[in-house]
Amino acid sequence: MKKYIQFLLVMAAVMLLPAYNGFAVKPDKEITISWNSNWNRENLKISSNGDIEFNDSYTDITSISDGGYLKISMVSFGMKRKLYVSSDNGRVAYRYFEGNKEVNFEPKGREWMKKVLPDVIRNSGLDLENRVNKIYEKKGITGFLSELEKTDSDYFSSRMVEYLLKNNKLKKSELQSLLREFPYRIDSDYELSQIFKKYNPVFLEDAEVSADFFQSLAELSSNYELSQVLSSVYKLNDLTNENFTFFIGAFDDISSDYEKSNLMKLALHDDRLTNEQLTILLKEVEDLSSDYEKSQIIKSLLNADGLSTKNLNEIIELTHSLSSDYERTQIIGTMIKRGLLNTSNLDEFNELIEEISSEYSYTQILNELIGYEALGTGRFNYLIKASDNISSSYELSRFYNSLLNQEELSVEQQLELIFKSENISSNYELAQFLTRASQKMDLSNEKIYDALINATQEISSEYEYGKVMKAIYSHRKDR
């Protein structure tokens, strides 16, 4: 009965709760335990009713309330045994059966009861809370952990840990011993997470115990359960700086982008987040495989106050890992709106936008930078140079028109814009731009006038060429 035990809890038997100094159950509750031993399937059934008290070694029953009973039936290697214990005028009465035949309880029945009763109690939850308290009082944490090791049910193992923490104030060394043992004794992520969620404040009062607590969370293989535990840790505790670092570091054990990103959002909205912790968090963001989740986190990061130059460069570097032009464009747009782009990180930023394959998105970014004053006097030259990466005549024409609409372009800037218009390969789009330029520029300036005339030589369509020349002469005359 040490290993391979599975529990089928019939008629809500798991809801049995301790009462007084014994164990009280509702009438006719039955637990069936099955296990495999040497290729033979063995079965044990336990039925109980009333308040039952046991001796300290749990090898005998000291009292049963009136009308109460305990029945144990076992089939092993084809041999059927049954023990029925009840109350008889205040005394404990025993009846023992082998097969269908009743046998004297003494001595064979008592020997079998002594052998089977400790495991029955251990793996059925009988007298559980009271038993945990007695073991801890007499044998301390060592005795408790020894008993936990002998308990095969994850459900009852988790209840044991819960009752221990609920009813006793454990010392620092005891908490550390508990953390180094019980997570490895409970296979069920659900049962393990219930303890971590409810009692994590107990483990976070001391720095050394906290370190053991966060390390033990690695035993949770379920992304959902681990994220629930960490969410509980954040909500139930006023985390110290050290524990907050542990909290962020624990994200590394979560492979689900959804669960990890939700926790990251909690951390990002916390005023305690230091630049060092932000660096740790950024490394976790890099591991996200979903461009959407990653971009959501990066945008949240960009909206945080007090970003250092180092953090900002880390965010720019992180954005390189996005494969989606749309998400990358959204992030760059956020940077521009937040005023995070400046002459000191312009080279890093330029490398970032050059990775955008969509000319529409690329041009959209350049348009947003036209009025971006933080680039200073070099803004126009930067944008003109950046426009060399646009091959679409449609996008290029509209971008040049946007530049043209700026107020107070210098003569040199106007000439540069006319010169760059040669990059527009479409007759129609080039004619559209030059026509617009003739309306906006000072044609009384001979250099500008000559530059426009020269630019029209790139138009091979007589129709489009005629439209532009007419516009130039018309506006020249008006000036």
Protein backbone atom coordinates (compact mmCIF):
# COMPACT_ATOMS: atom_id res chain seq x y z
CA MET A 1 0.00 0.00 0.00
CA LYS A 2 3.03 2.29 -0.24
CA LYS A 3 2.88 3.08 -3.94
CA TYR A 4 0.55 3.13 -6.97
CA ILE A 5 -2.49 3.91 -4.83
CA GLN A 6 -5.40 5.58 -6.55
CA PHE A 7 -8.42 6.94 -4.82
CA LEU A 8 -12.03 6.77 -5.88
CA LEU A 9 -13.87 8.95 -3.38
CA VAL A 10 -17.48 7.83 -3.34
CA MET A 11 -20.40 10.05 -2.29
CA ALA A 12 -18.25 13.13 -1.59
CA ALA A 13 -16.02 11.34 0.91
CA VAL A 14 -13.35 13.97 0.41
CA MET A 15 -15.59 16.41 2.24
CA LEU A 16 -15.15 14.54 5.52
CA LEU A 17 -14.02 16.99 8.18
CA PRO A 18 -12.49 16.47 11.65
CA ALA A 19 -14.50 17.38 14.72
CA TYR A 20 -13.63 17.52 18.43
CA ASN A 21 -10.69 15.17 19.10
CA GLY A 22 -11.85 12.52 16.69
CA PHE A 23 -13.36 12.21 13.27
CA ALA A 24 -16.97 12.96 12.43
CA VAL A 25 -18.57 11.93 9.15
CA LYS A 26 -22.02 12.00 7.75
CA PRO A 27 -23.75 8.62 7.69
CA ASP A 28 -22.71 5.95 5.23
CA LYS A 29 -19.71 7.60 3.67
CA GLU A 30 -17.51 5.17 1.83
CA ILE A 31 -13.97 5.36 0.45
CA THR A 32 -12.59 2.81 -1.99
CA ILE A 33 -8.83 2.40 -2.37
CA SER A 34 -7.33 0.31 -5.18
CA TRP A 35 -3.70 -0.51 -5.89
CA ASN A 36 -1.57 -2.96 -7.84
CA SER A 37 0.85 -5.29 -6.12
CA ASN A 38 2.87 -7.94 -7.96
CA TRP A 39 0.46 -7.82 -10.91
CA ASN A 40 -2.50 -8.40 -8.60
CA ARG A 41 -5.20 -5.80 -8.14
CA GLU A 42 -6.11 -5.26 -4.50
CA ASN A 43 -9.04 -3.34 -3.11
CA LEU A 44 -9.81 -1.76 0.21
CA LYS A 45 -13.15 -0.27 1.20
CA ILE A 46 -13.67 1.93 4.23
CA SER A 47 -17.07 2.92 5.60
CA SER A 48 -17.54 5.05 8.69
CA ASN A 49 -20.16 6.86 10.70
CA GLY A 50 -20.01 9.02 13.81
CA ASP A 51 -17.14 10.31 15.96
CA ILE A 52 -14.19 7.95 16.10
CA GLU A 53 -11.10 8.31 18.29
CA PHE A 54 -7.84 6.40 17.97
CA ASN A 55 -4.87 5.62 20.18
CA ASP A 56 -1.65 7.61 19.67
CA SER A 57 -0.09 4.99 17.38
CA TYR A 58 -3.29 4.66 15.34
CA THR A 59 -3.29 0.91 15.70
CA ASP A 60 -6.53 0.74 17.70
CA ILE A 61 -9.81 2.55 18.27
CA THR A 62 -10.37 3.99 21.75
CA SER A 63 -13.96 5.16 21.36
CA ILE A 64 -16.90 5.44 18.95
CA SER A 65 -19.96 7.59 19.44
CA ASP A 66 -23.33 5.86 19.87
CA GLY A 67 -24.52 4.50 16.53
CA GLY A 68 -21.09 5.05 14.97
CA TYR A 69 -18.95 2.43 13.28
CA LEU A 70 -15.89 1.77 11.17
CA LYS A 71 -15.91 -1.00 8.56
CA ILE A 72 -12.80 -2.07 6.68
CA SER A 73 -13.05 -4.58 3.83
CA MET A 74 -9.99 -5.77 1.94
CA VAL A 75 -9.45 -8.16 -0.96
CA SER A 76 -5.80 -9.11 -1.43
CA PHE A 77 -4.40 -12.01 -3.51
CA GLY A 78 -7.87 -13.49 -3.60
CA MET A 79 -8.20 -13.38 0.20
CA LYS A 80 -11.11 -11.35 1.57
CA ARG A 81 -10.96 -9.86 5.07
CA LYS A 82 -13.39 -7.60 6.85
CA LEU A 83 -13.29 -5.74 10.16
CA TYR A 84 -16.36 -4.16 11.70
CA VAL A 85 -15.88 -1.90 14.75
CA SER A 86 -18.89 -0.38 16.49
CA SER A 87 -20.11 1.03 19.79
CA ASP A 88 -21.71 -1.38 22.28
CA ASN A 89 -23.08 0.44 25.33
CA GLY A 90 -20.11 2.77 25.38
CA ARG A 91 -17.58 0.03 24.70
CA VAL A 92 -15.73 -0.62 21.45
CA ALA A 93 -16.86 -3.92 19.89
CA TYR A 94 -14.93 -5.80 17.15
CA ARG A 95 -16.04 -8.37 14.59
CA TYR A 96 -13.55 -9.95 12.18
CA PHE A 97 -14.25 -12.00 9.02
CA GLU A 98 -12.07 -14.05 6.66
CA GLY A 99 -13.97 -14.80 3.48
CA ASN A 100 -17.59 -15.20 4.51
CA LYS A 101 -16.66 -16.73 7.84
CA GLU A 102 -16.49 -14.80 11.11
CA VAL A 103 -13.28 -15.48 13.05
CA ASN A 104 -12.43 -14.58 16.64
CA PHE A 105 -11.03 -11.10 16.74
CA GLU A 106 -8.27 -12.19 19.08
CA PRO A 107 -5.55 -12.69 18.00
CA LYS A 108 -5.75 -12.78 14.17
CA GLY A 109 -8.19 -9.92 13.80
CA ARG A 110 -6.22 -7.65 16.11
CA GLU A 111 -2.95 -8.47 14.31
CA TRP A 112 -4.53 -7.63 10.95
CA MET A 113 -6.05 -4.42 12.35
CA LYS A 114 -2.68 -3.28 13.74
CA LYS A 115 -1.11 -3.92 10.37
CA VAL A 116 -3.71 -2.27 8.15
CA LEU A 117 -5.21 0.49 10.32
CA PRO A 118 -2.28 3.00 10.16
CA ASP A 119 -2.33 2.93 6.36
CA VAL A 120 -6.12 3.07 6.29
CA ILE A 121 -6.13 6.17 8.48
CA ARG A 122 -3.20 7.70 6.64
CA ASN A 123 -4.76 7.33 3.20
CA SER A 124 -8.42 7.91 3.98
CA GLY A 125 -8.26 11.20 5.87
CA LEU A 126 -9.68 9.76 9.09
CA ASP A 127 -8.88 12.02 12.06
CA LEU A 128 -6.60 13.99 9.75
CA GLU A 129 -6.38 17.43 11.36
CA ASN A 130 -6.14 16.04 14.87
CA ARG A 131 -3.52 13.50 13.75
CA VAL A 132 -1.37 16.21 12.14
CA ASN A 133 -1.43 18.30 15.30
CA LYS A 134 -0.52 15.33 17.52
CA ILE A 135 2.36 14.28 15.29
CA TYR A 136 3.80 17.79 15.22
CA GLU A 137 3.44 18.27 18.98
CA LYS A 138 5.23 15.00 19.75
CA LYS A 139 7.75 14.62 16.93
CA GLY A 140 8.10 18.10 15.45
CA ILE A 141 8.64 18.85 11.78
CA THR A 142 10.76 15.72 11.31
CA GLY A 143 7.93 13.49 12.46
CA PHE A 144 5.45 15.34 10.29
CA LEU A 145 7.61 14.99 7.17
CA SER A 146 8.09 11.30 7.88
CA GLU A 147 4.34 10.82 8.05
CA LEU A 148 3.87 12.90 4.90
CA GLU A 149 6.26 10.62 3.03
CA LYS A 150 4.12 7.61 3.96
CA THR A 151 0.93 9.23 2.67
CA ASP A 152 0.18 8.28 -0.92
CA SER A 153 -2.80 10.54 -1.59
CA ASP A 154 -1.99 13.99 -3.00
CA TYR A 155 -5.29 15.25 -1.64
CA PHE A 156 -4.64 14.14 1.92
CA SER A 157 -0.97 15.11 1.75
CA SER A 158 -1.94 18.66 0.83
CA ARG A 159 -4.52 18.73 3.64
CA MET A 160 -1.82 17.65 6.07
CA VAL A 161 0.40 20.56 5.08
CA GLU A 162 -2.55 22.91 5.24
CA TYR A 163 -3.53 21.80 8.76
CA LEU A 164 0.07 22.06 9.93
CA LEU A 165 0.33 25.66 8.74
CA LYS A 166 -3.17 26.54 9.89
CA ASN A 167 -2.78 25.37 13.49
CA ASN A 168 0.89 25.89 14.26
CA LYS A 169 3.43 28.71 14.24
CA LEU A 170 6.45 27.13 12.61
CA LYS A 171 9.99 28.31 13.22
CA LYS A 172 12.16 29.57 10.39
CA SER A 173 14.14 26.32 10.23
CA GLU A 174 10.92 24.29 10.23
CA LEU A 175 9.46 26.32 7.37
CA GLN A 176 12.65 25.76 5.39
CA SER A 177 12.53 22.02 6.06
CA LEU A 178 8.89 21.94 5.03
CA LEU A 179 9.55 23.79 1.77
CA ARG A 180 12.41 21.48 0.91
CA GLU A 181 10.20 18.41 1.31
CA PHE A 182 6.48 18.77 0.76
CA PRO A 183 6.51 20.12 -2.86
CA TYR A 184 8.29 16.92 -3.89
CA ARG A 185 5.75 14.71 -2.06
CA ILE A 186 2.69 16.09 -3.89
CA ASP A 187 2.43 15.30 -7.59
CA SER A 188 -0.82 17.15 -8.24
CA ASP A 189 -0.21 20.70 -9.41
CA TYR A 190 -3.69 21.64 -8.30
CA GLU A 191 -3.23 20.40 -4.73
CA LEU A 192 0.22 21.93 -4.49
CA SER A 193 -0.99 25.27 -5.79
CA GLN A 194 -3.77 25.38 -3.20
CA ILE A 195 -1.17 25.41 -0.44
CA PHE A 196 1.04 27.95 -2.17
CA LYS A 197 -1.88 30.27 -2.90
CA LYS A 198 -3.33 30.21 0.59
CA TYR A 199 -0.23 30.17 2.75
CA ASN A 200 2.41 32.07 0.75
CA PRO A 201 2.35 34.98 3.27
CA VAL A 202 3.67 32.55 5.91
CA PHE A 203 6.69 31.78 3.74
CA LEU A 204 7.48 35.38 2.78
CA GLU A 205 8.08 36.85 6.23
CA ASP A 206 11.77 35.90 6.25
CA ALA A 207 14.23 36.57 3.41
CA GLU A 208 15.87 33.13 3.50
CA VAL A 209 12.57 31.30 3.70
CA SER A 210 11.31 33.43 0.80
CA ALA A 211 14.21 32.27 -1.34
CA ASP A 212 13.29 28.64 -0.62
CA PHE A 213 9.64 29.37 -1.34
CA PHE A 214 10.25 30.83 -4.79
CA GLN A 215 12.67 28.03 -5.60
CA SER A 216 10.06 25.42 -4.66
CA LEU A 217 7.59 26.91 -7.16
CA ALA A 218 9.60 25.22 -9.91
CA GLU A 219 7.83 22.00 -8.89
CA LEU A 220 4.62 23.34 -10.46
CA SER A 221 4.56 22.16 -14.06
CA SER A 222 1.19 23.74 -14.89
CA ASN A 223 1.52 27.23 -16.38
CA TYR A 224 -1.95 28.10 -15.15
CA GLU A 225 -1.40 26.96 -11.56
CA LEU A 226 2.00 28.66 -11.32
CA SER A 227 0.58 31.91 -12.69
CA GLN A 228 -2.27 31.70 -10.18
CA VAL A 229 0.19 31.21 -7.33
CA LEU A 230 2.35 34.15 -8.43
CA SER A 231 -0.71 36.34 -8.85
CA SER A 232 -1.71 35.42 -5.30
CA VAL A 233 1.81 36.21 -4.06
CA TYR A 234 1.58 39.66 -5.59
CA LYS A 235 -1.90 40.42 -4.26
CA LEU A 236 -1.54 39.03 -0.73
CA ASN A 237 1.83 40.52 0.18
CA ASP A 238 3.56 43.86 0.38
CA LEU A 239 6.62 42.45 -1.36
CA THR A 240 10.07 43.58 -0.32
CA ASN A 241 12.47 44.62 -3.07
CA GLU A 242 14.19 41.23 -2.82
CA ASN A 243 10.91 39.31 -2.99
CA PHE A 244 9.75 41.44 -5.90
CA THR A 245 12.92 40.41 -7.75
CA PHE A 246 12.17 36.77 -6.91
CA PHE A 247 8.61 37.30 -8.13
CA ILE A 248 9.81 38.56 -11.52
CA GLY A 249 12.45 35.84 -11.78
CA ALA A 250 9.78 33.16 -11.31
CA PHE A 251 8.26 34.15 -14.68
CA ASP A 252 11.06 32.17 -16.28
CA ASP A 253 9.30 28.92 -15.34
CA ILE A 254 6.14 29.85 -17.28
CA SER A 255 6.09 28.84 -20.96
CA SER A 256 2.60 30.16 -21.72
CA ASP A 257 2.81 33.59 -23.35
CA TYR A 258 -0.67 34.46 -22.12
CA GLU A 259 -0.04 33.58 -18.46
CA LYS A 260 3.42 35.17 -18.44
CA SER A 261 2.29 38.40 -20.07
CA ASN A 262 -0.53 38.84 -17.55
CA LEU A 263 1.98 38.63 -14.70
CA MET A 264 4.32 41.01 -16.48
CA LYS A 265 1.54 43.57 -16.69
CA LEU A 266 1.12 43.33 -12.92
CA ALA A 267 4.82 43.98 -12.42
CA LEU A 268 4.92 46.85 -14.90
CA HIS A 269 2.19 48.74 -13.10
CA ASP A 270 4.03 48.51 -9.80
CA ASP A 271 5.78 51.63 -8.53
CA ARG A 272 8.48 49.48 -6.92
CA LEU A 273 9.91 48.32 -10.24
CA THR A 274 13.57 49.35 -10.31
CA ASN A 275 15.75 49.72 -13.38
CA GLU A 276 17.57 46.52 -12.44
CA GLN A 277 14.29 44.64 -12.10
CA LEU A 278 13.13 46.09 -15.40
CA THR A 279 16.24 44.63 -17.04
CA ILE A 280 15.31 41.20 -15.64
CA LEU A 281 11.76 41.65 -16.89
CA LEU A 282 12.95 42.59 -20.37
CA LYS A 283 14.84 39.32 -20.62
CA GLU A 284 11.60 37.49 -19.84
CA VAL A 285 9.74 39.51 -22.47
CA GLU A 286 12.30 38.43 -25.05
CA ASP A 287 11.31 34.80 -24.47
CA LEU A 288 7.69 35.44 -25.47
CA SER A 289 6.96 33.78 -28.80
CA SER A 290 3.77 35.72 -29.53
CA ASP A 291 4.41 39.03 -31.27
CA TYR A 292 1.09 40.31 -30.00
CA GLU A 293 1.79 39.54 -26.33
CA LYS A 294 5.34 40.81 -26.64
CA SER A 295 4.25 44.09 -28.23
CA GLN A 296 1.59 44.62 -25.55
CA ILE A 297 4.23 44.32 -22.87
CA ILE A 298 6.70 46.56 -24.71
CA LYS A 299 4.04 49.25 -25.14
CA SER A 300 3.27 49.03 -21.42
CA LEU A 301 6.98 49.41 -20.73
CA LEU A 302 7.16 52.51 -22.91
CA ASN A 303 4.29 54.07 -20.98
CA ALA A 304 6.16 53.66 -17.69
CA ASP A 305 7.73 56.74 -16.14
CA GLY A 306 11.42 57.13 -15.38
CA LEU A 307 12.90 54.92 -18.10
CA SER A 308 16.67 55.18 -18.12
CA THR A 309 18.66 55.51 -21.35
CA LYS A 310 19.89 51.96 -20.75
CA ASN A 311 16.33 50.65 -20.36
CA LEU A 312 15.18 52.47 -23.47
CA ASN A 313 18.02 51.01 -25.51
CA GLU A 314 17.11 47.57 -24.13
CA ILE A 315 13.53 48.09 -25.25
CA ILE A 316 14.66 49.13 -28.72
CA GLU A 317 16.87 46.04 -28.87
CA LEU A 318 13.94 43.90 -27.70
CA THR A 319 11.71 45.31 -30.44
CA HIS A 320 14.14 43.86 -33.01
CA SER A 321 12.87 40.40 -32.02
CA LEU A 322 9.37 41.16 -33.36
CA SER A 323 8.61 39.69 -36.77
CA SER A 324 5.34 41.56 -37.31
CA ASP A 325 5.63 44.89 -39.14
CA TYR A 326 2.32 45.94 -37.67
CA GLU A 327 3.36 45.33 -34.06
CA ARG A 328 6.78 46.90 -34.60
CA THR A 329 5.15 49.97 -36.15
CA GLN A 330 2.79 50.26 -33.19
CA ILE A 331 5.71 50.24 -30.78
CA ILE A 332 7.70 52.81 -32.76
CA GLY A 333 4.60 55.00 -32.88
CA THR A 334 4.33 54.77 -29.09
CA MET A 335 7.98 55.78 -28.74
CA ILE A 336 7.39 58.83 -30.90
CA LYS A 337 4.22 59.86 -29.05
CA ARG A 338 5.97 59.45 -25.70
CA GLY A 339 8.91 61.60 -26.89
CA LEU A 340 11.40 58.79 -26.21
CA LEU A 341 13.35 59.25 -29.43
CA ASN A 342 16.27 61.68 -29.35
CA THR A 343 19.61 62.34 -30.97
CA SER A 344 21.40 60.00 -28.53
CA ASN A 345 19.46 56.89 -29.61
CA LEU A 346 18.79 57.90 -33.21
CA ASP A 347 21.20 55.33 -34.66
CA GLU A 348 19.56 52.49 -32.72
CA PHE A 349 16.13 53.76 -33.73
CA ASN A 350 17.15 54.00 -37.38
CA GLU A 351 18.33 50.37 -37.36
CA LEU A 352 14.95 49.43 -35.98
CA ILE A 353 12.80 51.14 -38.60
CA GLU A 354 14.99 49.86 -41.42
CA GLU A 355 13.83 46.33 -40.50
CA ILE A 356 10.24 47.20 -41.44
CA SER A 357 9.47 45.56 -44.77
CA SER A 358 6.13 47.28 -45.36
CA GLU A 359 6.72 50.56 -47.19
CA TYR A 360 3.32 51.78 -46.05
CA SER A 361 4.29 51.26 -42.39
CA TYR A 362 7.76 52.69 -42.95
CA THR A 363 6.37 55.83 -44.58
CA GLN A 364 3.79 56.13 -41.81
CA ILE A 365 6.62 56.31 -39.27
CA LEU A 366 8.53 58.94 -41.25
CA ASN A 367 5.35 61.01 -41.49
CA GLU A 368 5.00 60.91 -37.70
CA LEU A 369 8.58 62.20 -37.38
CA ILE A 370 8.02 65.25 -39.59
CA GLY A 371 6.79 67.29 -36.64
CA TYR A 372 9.06 65.62 -34.08
CA GLU A 373 11.08 68.54 -32.71
CA ALA A 374 13.36 66.41 -30.50
CA LEU A 375 15.42 65.55 -33.59
CA GLY A 376 16.48 69.18 -33.73
CA THR A 377 17.92 70.92 -36.77
CA GLY A 378 19.02 67.63 -38.32
CA ARG A 379 15.44 66.38 -38.59
CA PHE A 380 14.95 67.29 -42.28
CA ASN A 381 18.24 65.76 -43.36
CA TYR A 382 17.48 62.60 -41.38
CA LEU A 383 14.07 62.23 -43.03
CA ILE A 384 15.37 62.91 -46.54
CA LYS A 385 18.06 60.28 -46.09
CA ALA A 386 15.56 57.82 -44.60
CA SER A 387 13.28 58.32 -47.63
CA ASP A 388 15.91 56.58 -49.80
CA ASN A 389 14.53 53.28 -48.46
CA ILE A 390 11.11 53.94 -50.05
CA SER A 391 10.79 52.44 -53.54
CA SER A 392 7.04 52.95 -53.97
CA SER A 393 6.36 56.02 -56.10
CA TYR A 394 2.97 56.40 -54.43
CA GLU A 395 4.38 56.42 -50.88
CA LEU A 396 7.39 58.53 -51.84
CA SER A 397 5.29 61.19 -53.57
CA ARG A 398 3.00 61.53 -50.58
CA PHE A 399 5.88 61.66 -48.13
CA TYR A 400 7.61 64.41 -50.11
CA ASN A 401 4.31 66.28 -50.20
CA SER A 402 4.14 65.99 -46.40
CA LEU A 403 7.63 67.45 -46.12
CA LEU A 404 6.65 70.17 -48.53
CA ASN A 405 3.73 71.16 -46.33
CA GLN A 406 6.09 72.10 -43.51
CA GLU A 407 6.39 75.81 -42.95
CA GLU A 408 9.64 77.69 -43.54
CA LEU A 409 11.66 75.17 -45.48
CA SER A 410 14.97 76.78 -46.33
CA VAL A 411 16.03 77.24 -49.95
CA GLU A 412 18.58 74.47 -49.49
CA GLN A 413 15.92 72.14 -48.12
CA GLN A 414 13.55 72.94 -50.99
CA LEU A 415 16.32 72.26 -53.53
CA GLU A 416 17.15 68.97 -51.81
CA LEU A 417 13.51 67.95 -51.97
CA ILE A 418 13.32 68.72 -55.70
CA PHE A 419 16.53 66.77 -56.28
CA LYS A 420 15.19 63.76 -54.35
CA SER A 421 12.02 63.76 -56.46
CA GLU A 422 14.05 62.00 -59.15
CA ASN A 423 13.55 58.85 -57.04
CA ILE A 424 9.86 58.88 -58.03
CA SER A 425 9.68 56.56 -61.04
CA SER A 426 5.97 57.01 -61.81
CA ASN A 427 5.21 59.80 -64.31
CA TYR A 428 1.88 60.45 -62.66
CA GLU A 429 3.22 60.58 -59.08
CA LEU A 430 6.24 62.72 -60.08
CA ALA A 431 3.98 65.14 -61.94
CA GLN A 432 1.68 65.33 -58.91
CA PHE A 433 4.56 66.22 -56.61
CA LEU A 434 6.20 68.77 -58.93
CA THR A 435 2.86 70.43 -59.53
CA ARG A 436 2.37 70.72 -55.79
CA ALA A 437 5.95 71.97 -55.38
CA SER A 438 5.37 74.73 -57.93
CA GLN A 439 2.43 75.89 -55.83
CA LYS A 440 4.28 75.87 -52.50
CA MET A 441 7.80 77.01 -53.41
CA ASP A 442 9.11 80.47 -54.21
CA LEU A 443 9.53 80.36 -57.99
CA SER A 444 11.01 83.82 -58.02
CA ASN A 445 14.15 82.14 -56.73
CA GLU A 446 16.10 81.18 -59.86
CA LYS A 447 17.73 78.17 -58.24
CA ILE A 448 14.37 76.71 -57.28
CA TYR A 449 12.88 77.55 -60.65
CA ASP A 450 15.75 75.92 -62.54
CA ALA A 451 15.68 72.86 -60.30
CA LEU A 452 11.99 72.34 -60.99
CA ILE A 453 12.51 72.67 -64.74
CA ASN A 454 15.34 70.15 -64.61
CA ALA A 455 13.20 67.75 -62.56
CA THR A 456 10.48 67.74 -65.22
CA GLN A 457 12.96 66.16 -67.64
CA GLU A 458 12.42 62.89 -65.78
CA ILE A 459 8.78 62.78 -66.96
CA SER A 460 8.46 60.71 -70.14
CA SER A 461 4.70 61.20 -70.52
CA GLU A 462 3.97 64.26 -72.67
CA TYR A 463 0.58 64.67 -71.01
CA GLU A 464 1.98 64.71 -67.45
CA TYR A 465 4.96 66.83 -68.55
CA GLY A 466 2.60 69.39 -70.09
CA LYS A 467 0.56 69.63 -66.89
CA VAL A 468 3.62 70.29 -64.77
CA MET A 469 5.14 72.87 -67.12
CA LYS A 470 1.84 74.70 -67.31
CA ALA A 471 1.67 74.81 -63.49
CA ILE A 472 5.26 76.07 -63.22
CA TYR A 473 4.85 78.86 -65.78
CA SER A 474 1.50 79.84 -64.31
CA HIS A 475 2.84 80.20 -60.77
CA ARG A 476 6.08 81.81 -61.99
CA LYS A 477 4.00 84.45 -63.73
CA ASP A 478 1.90 85.04 -60.63
CA ARG A 479 5.05 85.66 -58.59
